[in-house]
Amino acid sequence: MSEIIPLGSPPTDATSVLVVGTDDWAIEQGVAAVERAGYQVARCHEPGEPAFPCNGLRPDRGCPLDRGVGVVVTMRGRPVAPPPLEEFGVVCAVHAGVPLVVAGLTERNPLAAWSTVVVARSEDLATAIGRVTERLSRKGAAKQPAGRATP
């Protein structure tokens, strides 16, 4: 069965989660939680590497948004505004229409206006991602936009 993707939209893979954050240690905590929940992890930069240039600007890698992700998660290790360079993948993902989950230290969250879900301290990150992907699958089943079919 083919999935319908609206023209001009990036591909979506609900099992793939783009994980970014304010600090590498916070990103790695998010990656561990996402992997434990059974999702595939996508990154804007590899651990220990500078955030710029990102994977999308490296000829040997490529942007995870071009391959398709279902959700972007930002792990905020510190309540900083504006978002630091390590968190800039959020801007690209939100611009592409990818739902945003914000976790960690969410005080002074400069991304609040674009957040689909903000994970409370008492909540589980995997549960929040599951709520978003479930909502997306219900929305997708309810309407089939005109566009191109993909295998």
Foldseek 3Di string as FASTA:
>chain_A
DWAFDAPPAAAADLLEEEEFEQDLVQSVVVVVLSVVLPGHYDYQDDPPDDSPPTQCPDPVGHDVSNVHYQAYEYRYQDLDPPRDSRRCVVVVCLVSVHAYEYEYPCPNPPCVVRHPYYADPVGRPSVVSVVSSVVVVVVSVVDRDDHDIDD
